[in-house]
Protein backbone atom coordinates (compact mmCIF):
# COMPACT_ATOMS: atom_id res chain seq x y z
CA MET A 1 77.21 104.80 96.65
CA ALA A 2 76.48 108.48 96.12
CA ASP A 3 75.09 108.64 99.67
CA GLU A 4 78.21 107.15 101.26
CA ASP A 5 80.65 109.15 103.33
CA PRO A 6 83.22 110.67 100.93
CA GLU A 7 86.01 109.86 103.37
CA LEU A 8 84.96 106.21 103.43
CA GLU A 9 85.02 106.14 99.63
CA VAL A 10 88.56 107.55 99.66
CA ARG A 11 89.67 104.91 102.17
CA ARG A 12 88.21 102.15 100.02
CA ALA A 13 89.93 103.58 96.96
CA LEU A 14 93.21 103.66 98.91
CA ASP A 15 92.75 99.97 99.75
CA VAL A 16 92.12 99.10 96.10
CA VAL A 17 95.14 101.09 94.92
CA GLN A 18 97.33 99.48 97.59
CA SER A 19 96.23 96.02 96.44
CA MET A 20 97.13 96.94 92.87
CA ILE A 21 100.52 98.25 94.02
CA ASP A 22 101.20 95.05 95.98
CA ILE A 23 100.39 92.84 92.98
CA SER A 24 102.39 94.94 90.52
CA ALA A 25 105.37 95.31 92.88
CA ASP A 26 105.49 91.53 93.41
CA ARG A 27 105.38 90.99 89.65
CA LEU A 28 108.14 93.57 89.13
CA GLU A 29 110.33 91.94 91.78
CA GLY A 30 109.79 88.57 90.11
CA LEU A 31 110.80 89.92 86.72
CA ARG A 32 113.90 91.56 88.17
CA THR A 33 115.07 88.48 90.06
CA GLN A 34 113.81 85.45 88.16
CA CYS A 35 113.97 86.44 84.51
CA ALA A 36 116.81 87.26 82.17
CA THR A 37 116.69 91.04 82.36
CA SER A 38 118.74 91.26 79.18
CA ALA A 39 115.78 90.05 77.12
CA GLU A 40 114.08 92.95 75.36
CA LEU A 41 110.59 91.70 76.20
CA THR A 42 111.50 91.46 79.89
CA GLN A 43 112.98 94.96 79.85
CA HIS A 44 109.82 96.28 78.22
CA GLU A 45 107.64 94.56 80.82
CA ILE A 46 109.79 95.97 83.65
CA ARG A 47 109.53 99.51 82.25
CA THR A 48 105.77 99.12 81.81
CA LEU A 49 105.32 97.94 85.40
CA GLU A 50 107.55 100.73 86.73
CA GLY A 51 105.42 103.30 84.90
CA LYS A 52 102.22 101.72 86.18
CA LEU A 53 103.54 101.71 89.74
CA ILE A 54 104.54 105.38 89.57
CA LYS A 55 100.99 106.21 88.49
CA LEU A 56 99.54 104.09 91.29
CA PHE A 57 101.74 105.71 93.94
CA SER A 58 100.74 109.12 92.57
CA ARG A 59 97.07 108.13 92.75
CA GLN A 60 97.60 107.08 96.36
CA LEU A 61 99.09 110.46 97.22
CA MET A 62 96.22 112.30 95.52
CA LEU A 63 93.63 110.22 97.36
CA LYS A 64 95.38 110.70 100.68
CA ALA A 65 95.44 114.46 100.13
CA ARG A 66 91.62 114.39 100.01
CA LEU A 67 91.41 113.06 103.57
CA LYS A 68 91.15 115.35 106.56
CA ASP A 69 94.37 115.47 108.56
CA ASP A 70 92.68 115.41 111.95
CA GLY A 71 90.91 112.08 111.61
CA THR A 72 93.38 110.11 109.56
CA PRO A 73 93.82 106.61 111.01
CA PRO A 74 97.41 105.52 111.77
CA GLU A 75 97.44 102.90 109.00
CA ILE A 76 96.69 105.58 106.40
CA LYS A 77 99.31 108.00 107.71
CA HIS A 78 102.00 105.65 106.36
CA VAL A 79 100.48 105.47 102.87
CA PRO A 80 102.24 105.23 100.52
CA SER A 81 104.84 102.91 101.95
CA LEU A 82 108.34 104.38 101.74
CA ARG A 83 109.87 100.90 101.96
CA GLN A 84 107.76 99.64 99.06
CA TRP A 85 108.51 102.73 96.97
CA LEU A 86 112.26 102.34 97.49
CA GLN A 87 112.04 98.68 96.48
CA VAL A 88 110.08 99.57 93.34
CA VAL A 89 112.65 102.16 92.25
CA GLY A 90 115.33 99.50 92.55
CA LEU A 91 117.29 100.22 95.73
CA SER A 92 119.09 97.25 97.21
CA PRO A 93 117.60 95.70 100.37
CA ASP A 94 120.48 97.12 102.43
CA SER A 95 119.90 100.62 101.06
CA VAL A 96 116.17 100.36 101.73
CA GLN A 97 116.87 99.36 105.31
CA ILE A 98 119.31 102.23 105.86
CA VAL A 99 117.00 104.85 104.36
CA THR A 100 113.94 103.71 106.30
CA TYR A 101 115.97 103.60 109.51
CA LYS A 102 117.26 107.15 108.98
CA VAL A 103 113.76 108.44 108.19
CA ARG A 104 112.43 106.99 111.46
CA SER A 105 115.18 108.55 113.57
């Protein structure tokens, strides 16, 4: 692996981190919507997942910063996902839609 292209290693790491974000974000959404959020254990689990997701998004940004701007593929230019981040921080679906629409325009 030491002989591999450093940029390829970063892309692979981005894929791994994105997979971890997807899994954790799905779990967080499930806890928020399907469990009694008043239960202390559920609240603790939600806070733990939120902290983990913040670290994962930060890791994604650090990895992306290591890539060269000129050759960045289109799918990596949109990493991390604004929509996913807004969902993780707890914005309503309507708010997420409005913010992402305004960012695009």
